[in-house]
Protein backbone atom coordinates (compact mmCIF):
# COMPACT_ATOMS: atom_id res chain seq x y z
CA MET A 1 0.00 0.00 0.00
CA ALA A 2 1.35 3.43 -0.98
CA THR A 3 2.13 5.93 1.77
CA PRO A 4 0.43 9.36 1.85
CA ALA A 5 3.68 10.91 0.64
CA GLU A 6 3.88 8.51 -2.31
CA LEU A 7 0.26 9.21 -3.22
CA ALA A 8 0.90 12.93 -2.99
CA PHE A 9 3.87 12.72 -5.35
CA GLU A 10 1.76 10.74 -7.82
CA ARG A 11 -0.83 13.54 -7.84
CA ALA A 12 1.67 16.34 -8.44
CA ASP A 13 2.42 17.57 -11.95
CA LEU A 14 6.12 16.65 -11.87
CA ASP A 15 8.47 14.63 -14.05
CA GLU A 16 10.97 12.07 -12.75
CA GLU A 17 13.92 14.48 -12.48
CA GLN A 18 11.83 17.05 -10.63
CA LEU A 19 10.54 14.37 -8.29
CA ALA A 20 14.10 13.22 -7.59
CA HIS A 21 15.11 16.82 -6.80
CA LEU A 22 12.28 17.17 -4.28
CA GLN A 23 13.08 13.78 -2.76
CA ARG A 24 16.64 14.96 -2.14
CA LEU A 25 15.22 18.05 -0.45
CA LEU A 26 13.01 15.93 1.80
CA GLY A 27 16.05 13.85 2.70
CA THR A 28 18.05 16.84 3.95
CA TRP A 29 15.58 19.50 5.06
CA GLY A 30 15.72 18.55 8.72
CA ILE A 31 18.71 20.91 8.78
CA LEU A 32 16.52 23.76 7.48
CA ALA A 33 13.81 23.14 10.08
CA ASP A 34 16.36 23.29 12.90
CA LEU A 35 18.12 26.37 11.51
CA SER A 36 14.82 28.25 11.22
CA PHE A 37 13.28 26.93 14.48
CA SER A 38 10.13 26.44 12.38
CA ASP A 39 7.82 23.89 10.83
CA LEU A 40 8.35 23.31 7.13
CA VAL A 41 5.72 22.26 4.60
CA LEU A 42 6.44 21.42 0.96
CA MET A 43 3.60 22.08 -1.51
CA ALA A 44 3.15 21.62 -5.23
CA PRO A 45 0.19 22.18 -7.58
CA LEU A 46 -1.99 19.22 -8.39
CA ALA A 47 -1.76 17.88 -11.93
CA ILE A 48 -4.40 19.50 -14.13
CA ASP A 49 -7.17 17.17 -15.25
CA ARG A 50 -6.48 16.78 -18.95
CA GLU A 51 -10.14 16.05 -19.67
CA ASP A 52 -11.31 19.27 -17.98
CA PRO A 53 -9.99 22.33 -19.83
CA HIS A 54 -11.45 24.73 -17.24
CA PRO A 55 -10.52 23.54 -13.76
CA VAL A 56 -12.15 25.50 -10.97
CA GLY A 57 -9.46 27.14 -8.81
CA ARG A 58 -5.96 25.81 -8.25
CA GLN A 59 -5.38 22.94 -5.88
CA LEU A 60 -2.20 22.27 -3.94
CA VAL A 61 -0.97 18.94 -2.61
CA ILE A 62 1.25 18.71 0.48
CA LEU A 63 4.30 16.58 -0.35
CA GLY A 64 6.12 16.73 2.97
CA GLN A 65 6.18 18.15 6.47
CA MET A 66 9.10 18.61 8.85
CA ARG A 67 9.10 19.74 12.48
CA PRO A 68 12.14 21.25 14.22
CA SER A 69 13.95 19.22 16.86
CA ASN A 70 14.98 22.33 18.81
CA SER A 71 11.70 24.23 19.05
CA SER A 72 7.98 23.75 19.61
CA THR A 73 5.84 22.94 16.61
CA VAL A 74 3.24 25.24 15.09
CA VAL A 75 1.34 22.54 13.18
CA GLU A 76 0.35 19.63 15.40
CA HIS A 77 -1.57 17.63 12.76
CA ASP A 78 0.00 15.59 9.98
CA LEU A 79 -0.74 17.31 6.67
CA VAL A 80 1.19 15.06 4.27
CA GLY A 81 -0.90 13.83 1.35
CA GLN A 82 -3.70 16.35 1.84
CA SER A 83 -4.87 18.63 -0.95
CA VAL A 84 -5.78 22.23 -0.12
CA ASP A 85 -7.48 24.99 -2.01
CA GLY A 86 -5.08 27.52 -3.44
CA GLU A 87 -7.48 30.30 -2.49
CA GLU A 88 -6.84 29.48 1.17
CA TRP A 89 -3.08 29.65 0.58
CA PRO A 90 -2.75 32.60 -1.83
CA MET A 91 0.78 33.37 -0.66
CA VAL A 92 1.92 29.89 -1.83
CA ILE A 93 0.30 30.39 -5.24
CA ALA A 94 1.93 33.82 -5.48
CA ALA A 95 5.38 32.42 -4.66
CA PHE A 96 4.91 29.60 -7.18
CA GLU A 97 3.72 31.83 -10.03
CA ALA A 98 6.11 34.76 -9.44
CA GLY A 99 9.11 32.65 -8.45
CA ASP A 100 9.93 35.04 -5.60
CA PRO A 101 9.72 34.55 -1.82
CA VAL A 102 6.52 35.76 -0.18
CA ARG A 103 5.93 36.56 3.49
CA ALA A 104 2.50 36.57 5.08
CA GLU A 105 0.49 35.51 8.12
CA LEU A 106 -2.11 32.75 8.28
CA ILE A 107 -4.16 30.97 10.92
CA VAL A 108 -2.94 27.40 10.44
CA GLU A 109 -4.64 25.73 13.41
CA PRO A 110 -8.25 26.69 14.34
CA GLY A 111 -8.28 28.89 17.41
CA ALA A 112 -4.54 29.49 17.34
CA GLU A 113 -2.66 32.73 16.81
CA PRO A 114 -1.71 33.58 13.23
CA ALA A 115 1.56 31.98 12.18
CA ARG A 116 4.22 33.82 10.22
CA LEU A 117 4.76 32.25 6.80
CA HIS A 118 7.82 32.48 4.61
CA CYS A 119 7.02 30.90 1.22
CA ILE A 120 10.18 30.04 -0.73
CA PRO A 121 10.02 28.83 -4.35
CA VAL A 122 11.97 25.63 -5.04
CA ARG A 123 13.56 25.77 -8.47
CA PHE A 124 14.99 22.99 -10.59
CA GLU A 125 16.74 23.79 -13.87
CA GLY A 126 15.21 27.25 -13.91
CA GLU A 127 11.62 26.14 -13.30
CA THR A 128 9.67 26.48 -10.06
CA VAL A 129 8.51 22.98 -9.12
CA ALA A 130 7.28 23.46 -5.54
CA VAL A 131 7.09 25.91 -2.67
CA LEU A 132 8.69 25.37 0.72
CA THR A 133 6.68 27.16 3.41
CA ARG A 134 8.28 28.00 6.71
CA MET A 135 5.76 28.37 9.55
CA SER A 136 6.83 30.02 12.79
CA ALA A 137 5.00 31.43 15.79
CA GLY A 138 4.23 35.11 16.05
CA ALA A 139 6.64 37.66 17.43
CA GLY A 140 7.87 36.84 20.92
CA ARG A 141 11.05 37.49 22.85
CA ARG A 142 14.06 39.04 21.19
CA PRO A 143 16.20 36.26 19.67
CA GLY A 144 19.75 35.74 20.92
CA HIS A 145 22.98 35.58 18.96
CA LEU A 146 22.65 31.83 18.28
CA GLU A 147 19.11 32.13 16.92
CA ARG A 148 19.99 35.13 14.75
CA THR A 149 22.97 33.24 13.31
CA TYR A 150 20.92 30.13 12.63
CA ARG A 151 18.17 32.09 10.88
CA ASP A 152 20.71 33.98 8.82
CA VAL A 153 22.11 30.65 7.62
CA PHE A 154 18.58 29.48 6.86
CA ASN A 155 18.02 32.58 4.73
CA ARG A 156 21.17 31.74 2.78
CA PHE A 157 19.76 28.26 2.14
CA ALA A 158 16.43 29.85 1.13
CA THR A 159 18.25 31.88 -1.50
CA MET A 160 19.94 28.72 -2.76
CA LEU A 161 16.55 26.99 -2.97
CA ALA A 162 15.11 29.84 -5.00
CA GLN A 163 18.14 29.76 -7.31
CA GLY A 164 18.02 25.97 -7.75
CA ALA A 165 21.40 25.45 -6.04
CA PHE A 166 20.00 23.38 -3.14
CA PRO A 167 19.61 20.48 -2.54
CA TYR A 168 22.80 19.27 -4.19
CA ALA A 169 22.43 16.75 -6.99
CA GLY A 170 23.85 13.36 -6.10
CA GLU A 171 23.93 14.01 -2.36
CA ASP A 172 23.03 10.90 -0.36
CA VAL A 173 20.04 10.99 1.95
CA ALA A 174 21.20 11.61 5.51
CA SER A 175 21.58 8.48 7.63
CA GLU A 176 20.39 8.14 11.22
CA GLU A 177 23.82 8.98 12.59
CA ALA A 178 24.29 12.04 10.36
CA PRO A 179 24.81 15.18 12.47
CA ARG A 180 21.88 17.50 13.08
CA VAL A 181 21.98 21.20 13.83
CA GLY A 182 21.50 20.48 17.53
CA ASP A 183 24.73 18.45 17.58
CA GLY A 184 26.71 21.58 16.78
CA ILE A 185 27.52 23.83 13.82
CA VAL A 186 30.59 25.72 12.69
CA LEU A 187 30.16 28.46 10.10
CA VAL A 188 33.22 29.23 7.97
CA ASP A 189 33.72 31.82 5.23
CA GLU A 190 34.95 31.25 1.68
CA GLU A 191 38.56 31.20 2.95
CA GLY A 192 37.86 28.53 5.53
CA ARG A 193 38.04 30.86 8.55
CA VAL A 194 35.65 30.18 11.41
CA ARG A 195 32.98 32.88 11.78
CA TYR A 196 30.78 31.14 14.32
CA ALA A 197 30.78 27.98 16.45
CA SER A 198 27.75 26.91 18.47
CA PRO A 199 28.19 25.83 22.11
CA ASN A 200 27.76 22.13 21.26
CA ALA A 201 30.28 22.44 18.43
CA THR A 202 32.70 24.11 20.82
CA ASN A 203 32.32 21.20 23.23
CA ALA A 204 33.12 18.74 20.43
CA LEU A 205 36.20 20.76 19.48
CA HIS A 206 37.29 20.80 23.12
CA ARG A 207 37.15 17.00 23.16
CA MET A 208 39.42 17.08 20.14
CA GLY A 209 41.94 19.08 22.17
CA MET A 210 41.17 22.57 20.81
CA TYR A 211 40.82 25.02 23.69
CA SER A 212 41.98 28.32 22.23
CA GLN A 213 39.77 30.94 20.61
CA ILE A 214 38.72 29.65 17.18
CA GLU A 215 36.67 32.44 15.63
CA GLY A 216 38.61 34.18 12.89
CA ARG A 217 41.10 31.31 12.57
CA ARG A 218 41.38 28.24 10.35
CA LEU A 219 41.09 24.82 11.95
CA THR A 220 44.43 23.77 10.48
CA ASP A 221 46.06 26.64 12.38
CA LEU A 222 44.81 24.94 15.53
CA GLY A 223 46.13 21.50 14.59
CA ILE A 224 42.93 19.91 13.26
CA GLU A 225 42.71 18.36 9.81
CA GLU A 226 40.20 20.26 7.68
CA SER A 227 40.48 18.47 4.33
CA ALA A 228 36.71 17.95 4.28
CA ILE A 229 36.06 21.69 4.58
CA GLU A 230 38.67 22.53 1.95
CA TRP A 231 37.23 19.98 -0.47
CA ALA A 232 33.66 21.23 0.10
CA LEU A 233 34.74 24.83 -0.61
CA ALA A 234 36.76 23.85 -3.69
CA SER A 235 34.25 21.43 -5.24
CA ALA A 236 31.03 23.21 -4.18
CA MET A 237 29.69 19.80 -3.13
CA PRO A 238 28.83 18.43 0.33
CA VAL A 239 31.46 16.28 2.03
CA VAL A 240 31.07 13.87 4.96
CA GLU A 241 34.17 12.79 6.85
CA GLU A 242 35.15 11.31 10.20
CA VAL A 243 38.01 12.93 12.04
CA GLU A 244 39.93 11.01 14.72
CA ARG A 245 41.80 13.52 16.78
CA ARG A 246 42.90 10.90 19.26
CA PRO A 247 42.22 7.15 19.40
CA ASP A 248 39.44 7.81 21.90
CA VAL A 249 37.76 10.77 20.13
CA THR A 250 35.91 10.59 16.81
CA VAL A 251 33.92 13.47 15.33
CA LEU A 252 31.73 13.23 12.24
CA LEU A 253 31.77 16.29 9.96
CA HIS A 254 29.09 17.14 7.38
CA CYS A 255 30.30 20.08 5.31
CA ILE A 256 27.66 21.84 3.19
CA PRO A 257 28.84 24.65 0.87
CA LEU A 258 26.85 27.91 0.93
CA GLN A 259 26.40 29.65 -2.41
CA ALA A 260 25.11 32.93 -3.76
CA ASP A 261 24.66 33.53 -7.50
CA GLY A 262 26.79 30.48 -8.29
CA ASP A 263 29.75 31.48 -6.08
CA VAL A 264 30.72 29.62 -2.88
CA THR A 265 30.46 32.10 -0.02
CA GLY A 266 31.19 29.80 2.88
CA CYS A 267 30.42 26.44 4.40
CA LEU A 268 28.13 25.13 7.10
CA VAL A 269 29.87 22.38 9.08
CA LEU A 270 27.70 20.11 11.20
CA LEU A 271 29.64 18.27 13.90
CA ARG A 272 28.63 15.23 15.86
CA ASP A 273 30.72 13.51 18.48
CA VAL A 274 30.38 9.83 17.52
CA THR A 275 33.04 8.56 19.91
CA ASP A 276 30.58 6.43 21.89
CA VAL A 277 28.93 5.15 18.70
CA ARG A 278 32.25 4.04 17.24
CA ARG A 279 33.27 2.47 20.54
CA LEU A 280 30.06 0.43 20.47
CA ASP A 281 30.74 -0.50 16.83
CA ARG A 282 34.17 -1.78 17.79
CA LEU A 283 32.70 -3.72 20.71
CA LEU A 284 30.09 -5.30 18.41
CA LEU A 285 32.77 -6.26 15.90
CA SER A 286 34.85 -7.73 18.70
CA LYS A 287 31.80 -9.57 20.04
CA ASP A 288 30.96 -10.96 16.60
CA ALA A 289 34.54 -12.15 16.17
CA ALA A 290 34.44 -13.78 19.62
CA ILE A 291 31.14 -15.53 18.84
CA ARG A 292 32.48 -16.80 15.53
CA GLU A 293 35.59 -18.09 17.28
CA VAL A 294 33.48 -19.89 19.93
CA HIS A 295 31.37 -21.62 17.26
CA HIS A 296 34.54 -22.49 15.34
CA ARG A 297 36.09 -24.09 18.41
CA VAL A 298 32.87 -25.95 19.26
CA LYS A 299 32.77 -27.26 15.69
CA ASN A 300 36.40 -28.40 15.94
CA ASN A 301 35.75 -30.10 19.27
CA LEU A 302 32.69 -31.88 17.89
CA GLN A 303 34.66 -33.05 14.87
CA THR A 304 37.34 -34.36 17.22
CA ILE A 305 34.70 -36.26 19.22
CA SER A 306 33.25 -37.57 15.96
CA ALA A 307 36.66 -38.83 14.85
CA LEU A 308 37.27 -40.51 18.22
CA LEU A 309 33.90 -42.27 18.07
CA ARG A 310 34.64 -43.48 14.56
CA LEU A 311 38.08 -44.79 15.54
CA GLN A 312 36.62 -46.58 18.56
CA ALA A 313 33.83 -48.10 16.44
CA ARG A 314 36.29 -49.48 13.91
CA ARG A 315 38.16 -51.31 16.72
CA LEU A 316 35.01 -53.17 17.73
CA PRO A 317 33.83 -56.38 16.05
CA PRO A 318 30.64 -56.15 13.98
CA GLY A 319 27.58 -56.00 16.19
CA GLY A 320 25.34 -53.75 18.24
CA GLY A 321 28.14 -51.83 19.98
CA ARG A 322 29.80 -50.88 16.71
CA VAL A 323 26.48 -49.77 15.22
CA ALA A 324 25.69 -47.64 18.31
CA LEU A 325 29.03 -45.82 18.11
CA PHE A 326 28.57 -45.07 14.41
CA GLU A 327 25.11 -43.68 15.12
CA ALA A 328 26.46 -41.48 17.91
CA GLU A 329 29.24 -40.28 15.61
CA ARG A 330 26.70 -39.30 12.95
CA ARG A 331 24.59 -37.34 15.45
CA VAL A 332 27.61 -35.43 16.67
CA ARG A 333 28.54 -34.65 13.07
CA SER A 334 25.07 -33.21 12.35
CA ILE A 335 25.44 -30.82 15.32
CA ALA A 336 28.92 -29.82 14.09
CA ILE A 337 27.40 -28.77 10.75
CA VAL A 338 25.25 -26.16 12.51
CA HIS A 339 28.21 -24.72 14.42
CA GLU A 340 30.25 -24.61 11.21
CA ILE A 341 27.63 -22.33 9.63
CA LEU A 342 27.33 -20.24 12.80
CA SER A 343 31.10 -19.76 12.80
CA ARG A 344 30.71 -17.97 9.44
CA GLU A 345 27.52 -16.05 10.25
CA PRO A 346 27.14 -15.28 13.96
CA SER A 347 23.47 -14.36 13.97
CA ASP A 348 20.22 -15.18 15.73
CA GLN A 349 19.03 -16.61 12.41
CA VAL A 350 20.62 -19.56 10.59
CA PRO A 351 20.26 -20.32 6.85
CA PHE A 352 18.82 -23.81 7.35
CA ASP A 353 18.89 -24.72 3.66
CA GLU A 354 22.70 -24.83 3.84
CA ILE A 355 22.36 -27.29 6.72
CA VAL A 356 19.98 -29.44 4.65
CA ASP A 357 22.50 -29.58 1.79
CA ALA A 358 25.27 -30.63 4.18
CA LEU A 359 23.07 -33.30 5.79
CA ILE A 360 22.18 -34.72 2.37
CA ARG A 361 25.86 -34.94 1.47
CA MET A 362 26.52 -36.73 4.77
CA ALA A 363 23.66 -39.16 4.08
CA LYS A 364 24.94 -39.92 0.60
CA ASP A 365 28.34 -40.81 2.05
CA SER A 366 26.70 -43.56 4.15
CA VAL A 367 24.98 -45.23 1.19
CA VAL A 368 27.15 -48.05 -0.18
CA SER A 369 24.79 -50.83 -1.27
CA HIS A 370 21.73 -49.00 -2.62
CA HIS A 371 20.74 -46.94 -5.64
CA LEU A 372 19.08 -44.03 -3.83
CA ALA A 373 18.11 -40.60 -5.12
CA PHE A 374 17.73 -37.68 -2.73
CA VAL A 375 15.26 -34.91 -3.63
CA VAL A 376 14.81 -31.62 -1.78
CA ASP A 377 11.60 -29.69 -2.49
CA GLY A 378 11.09 -26.20 -1.08
CA ALA A 379 13.07 -24.25 1.50
CA LEU A 380 12.88 -23.16 5.12
CA GLY A 381 15.01 -20.05 4.73
CA GLU A 382 16.43 -18.66 7.97
CA VAL A 383 15.39 -20.21 11.27
CA PRO A 384 16.27 -19.21 14.84
CA ALA A 385 19.64 -20.53 16.00
CA ASP A 386 18.10 -22.33 18.98
CA VAL A 387 15.83 -24.22 16.57
CA ALA A 388 18.49 -25.06 13.98
CA THR A 389 20.53 -27.51 16.09
CA PRO A 390 17.73 -29.85 17.27
CA LEU A 391 16.04 -29.60 13.86
CA ALA A 392 19.27 -30.62 12.14
CA VAL A 393 19.62 -33.65 14.42
CA VAL A 394 15.98 -34.59 13.75
CA LEU A 395 16.33 -34.33 9.98
CA ALA A 396 19.62 -36.26 9.92
CA GLU A 397 18.07 -39.01 12.04
CA LEU A 398 14.98 -39.33 9.82
CA VAL A 399 17.01 -39.48 6.60
CA GLN A 400 19.33 -42.09 8.05
CA ASN A 401 16.35 -44.04 9.39
CA ALA A 402 14.86 -44.12 5.88
CA ILE A 403 18.17 -45.32 4.40
CA GLU A 404 18.55 -48.12 6.91
CA HIS A 405 14.96 -49.36 7.33
CA ALA A 406 13.04 -48.35 4.20
CA PHE A 407 15.73 -49.90 2.01
CA PRO A 408 17.36 -52.68 4.08
CA ASP A 409 20.67 -54.14 2.94
CA PRO A 410 20.06 -57.42 1.06
CA GLU A 411 23.02 -59.02 2.85
CA ASP A 412 22.31 -58.28 6.50
CA GLY A 413 18.76 -56.93 6.34
CA ASN A 414 19.61 -54.20 8.76
CA GLN A 415 21.81 -51.28 7.72
CA ALA A 416 24.43 -50.11 5.31
CA ASN A 417 28.12 -50.33 5.99
CA ALA A 418 28.49 -47.01 7.77
CA ASP A 419 32.26 -47.00 7.93
CA SER A 420 32.88 -47.31 4.20
CA GLY A 421 33.83 -43.65 3.92
CA LYS A 422 33.02 -43.50 0.16
CA ARG A 423 31.58 -40.28 -1.29
CA VAL A 424 28.85 -41.25 -3.77
CA ALA A 425 27.28 -38.83 -6.23
CA ASP A 426 23.45 -38.84 -6.06
CA GLY A 427 23.52 -42.05 -4.02
CA ALA A 428 24.75 -44.14 -6.96
CA ILE A 429 27.30 -46.87 -6.31
CA ASP A 430 30.02 -48.29 -8.47
CA GLY A 431 30.12 -52.09 -8.38
CA THR A 432 26.86 -52.51 -6.42
CA ALA A 433 25.39 -55.99 -6.27
CA GLY A 434 22.67 -56.61 -8.80
CA ASP A 435 19.99 -57.20 -6.16
CA ALA A 436 20.60 -53.89 -4.33
CA MET A 437 17.43 -51.92 -3.68
CA SER A 438 16.80 -48.58 -5.37
CA GLY A 439 14.45 -45.78 -4.39
CA THR A 440 13.93 -42.14 -3.57
CA ILE A 441 14.04 -40.16 -0.35
CA GLU A 442 12.30 -36.81 -0.67
CA ILE A 443 12.58 -33.94 1.79
CA ARG A 444 9.82 -31.35 1.56
CA LEU A 445 10.40 -28.03 3.28
CA ARG A 446 7.79 -25.32 3.92
CA ASN A 447 7.89 -22.08 5.90
CA ASP A 448 4.74 -19.90 6.04
CA GLU A 449 6.28 -17.60 8.71
CA ARG A 450 4.10 -19.28 11.36
CA ILE A 451 4.96 -22.97 11.04
CA LEU A 452 8.08 -24.79 9.90
CA ARG A 453 7.03 -27.99 8.18
CA ILE A 454 9.35 -30.83 7.16
CA ASP A 455 8.15 -33.98 5.41
CA VAL A 456 10.52 -36.90 4.87
CA VAL A 457 9.02 -39.25 2.29
CA ASP A 458 10.41 -42.51 0.94
CA ASP A 459 9.11 -45.18 -1.43
CA GLY A 460 10.61 -48.07 0.53
CA GLN A 461 9.07 -51.08 2.24
CA GLY A 462 6.94 -49.04 4.62
CA LEU A 463 6.22 -49.34 8.32
CA PRO A 464 5.40 -52.64 10.05
CA ASP A 465 1.80 -53.31 10.99
CA GLY A 466 0.73 -51.71 14.25
CA PHE A 467 3.64 -49.22 14.30
CA ASP A 468 3.23 -46.39 16.84
CA ILE A 469 5.91 -43.76 17.24
CA ASP A 470 4.86 -43.28 20.87
CA GLN A 471 5.59 -46.96 21.58
CA THR A 472 8.73 -47.35 19.48
CA GLN A 473 11.83 -48.92 21.03
CA SER A 474 14.14 -47.37 18.42
CA LEU A 475 16.67 -45.04 20.02
CA GLY A 476 16.85 -42.84 16.92
CA LEU A 477 13.10 -42.35 16.62
CA SER A 478 12.83 -41.82 20.37
CA ILE A 479 15.41 -39.01 20.08
CA VAL A 480 13.46 -37.50 17.17
CA ARG A 481 10.13 -37.70 19.03
CA ASP A 482 11.49 -36.13 22.20
CA LEU A 483 13.38 -33.34 20.41
CA VAL A 484 10.34 -32.36 18.33
CA ARG A 485 7.82 -32.43 21.16
CA SER A 486 9.92 -31.25 24.11
CA GLN A 487 12.62 -28.94 22.80
CA LEU A 488 10.94 -27.64 19.64
CA GLU A 489 7.38 -27.78 21.06
CA GLY A 490 6.14 -29.18 17.76
CA SER A 491 4.32 -32.25 16.51
CA ILE A 492 5.35 -35.37 14.60
CA THR A 493 3.36 -37.99 12.74
CA MET A 494 4.67 -41.12 11.01
CA HIS A 495 2.56 -43.43 8.88
CA ARG A 496 2.56 -45.69 5.83
CA ARG A 497 1.79 -44.10 2.46
CA ASP A 498 0.21 -45.84 -0.51
CA GLY A 499 2.78 -46.85 -3.11
CA ALA A 500 2.68 -47.94 -6.72
CA GLU A 501 4.32 -51.33 -6.06
CA PRO A 502 3.33 -54.11 -3.66
CA GLU A 503 5.43 -54.09 -0.47
CA ARG A 504 6.90 -50.71 -1.52
CA ASP A 505 4.32 -48.37 -0.01
CA GLY A 506 6.86 -46.18 1.69
CA THR A 507 6.68 -43.93 4.74
CA LEU A 508 5.70 -40.32 5.34
CA VAL A 509 7.07 -38.49 8.38
CA SER A 510 5.60 -35.03 8.97
CA ILE A 511 7.02 -32.53 11.44
CA GLU A 512 5.52 -29.14 12.31
CA VAL A 513 7.38 -26.65 14.49
CA PRO A 514 5.80 -23.31 15.47
CA ILE A 515 7.86 -20.17 14.91
CA LYS A 516 8.05 -18.26 18.17
CA GLU A 517 7.89 -14.50 18.27
CA PRO A 518 11.17 -12.94 19.47
CA GLN A 519 10.99 -11.98 23.12
CA PRO A 520 11.57 -8.27 23.91
CA LEU A 521 14.72 -7.46 25.82
CA GLY A 522 14.34 -6.63 29.47
């Protein structure tokens, strides 16, 4: 659904380049609202109805609204997307048609005092495309030096707007950490000499080690790199740069050139002390690296345990003990796969489809006397990390259970030779006995953002009569049942499916796991 602002832009009579120019203005005009201590409203005429050659009156659509962060607001209601009658805003129509700023008074809110309006035409390539209206409260106390300086800078920006020199083409929309006027401003002239520094800017400069008087001097004279200011003055384009005065002090500079009649007359420098932000960034990077290292070490330890179990199993004679150790080794390996992925992407969400691919490869390696095809249909996408590990163990167990019991080895009727160590493409075997069973194991994955569903389907010999997963004595299926119901709080069903061949009905195992909403911190 389109936002009110998007709908408003669609109703304005503007082409793509003009729209882009106004979008850049809306991305940077928070600076203008703070400099003027006023509400700002951007208006443009509605597109004329082509089928009506005589439209009644001129309608305006409100494209944007900005409130100052350092002063009270004049307009409490949200006006974006509304259309207004031009007769009620004649000063806006006058500014649009004449292309010159217009000052007037208007009662904006019912019952309120008249607000002072400063209507500034916004030009693009010589054509007026919109009007920026500054709304401020009526005359009050006498403004101080800071307010007079800020409003003087705003008037310089207003001139640039009317001349089409602001906003700057190609300037990126300000990010959340971009400095605002309240963070501190330094005003320099065309030679780079400081003409004014706000109290907050002075505090930031003090943290950088500059304690002497700065007005009338260049920052380089005081030992601070000012390449950003010099480049902004020389190129007549905004520049954003971080300055590290000391390892423990970082200040972000946003240098905006001020122009008049095409000539650069100075530069507005917004400063923000981002020392704490960068310290947190470094801590997060360090934390991420530590988490990755922990998962990497866990993965290595699990692989070591897996190798020890395999070595121990190979020393045992064929029988139940050897089989149990190989099964334990496989379960440890499936957990190691999850930690291997987490060691690359330390996140609360895990790309489970990568885990599925790794588990399928591991299952193929265990197939030595069957012609089996493995099919994966669908995807789960990213799942919570605390779900990924038990779900990986469950899936590995079900696939291995299908290999061993749906397609029993013709020689021993029980399971494949798990310690062969061969890597087999697509489950095919070189030199397999002619009576080896063939079949398909399909894994169906679905994620509807509420339920994770996994179906493991095979076309093997099916379940024995009277099978009940709640009464099973199989260790593997008992592990699967308990993990799904207890740890994942999901459900599992397991039943025979109808097949095309006698005694090859196959089995369908369905698992559903609810996706929990993330718990708020604190």
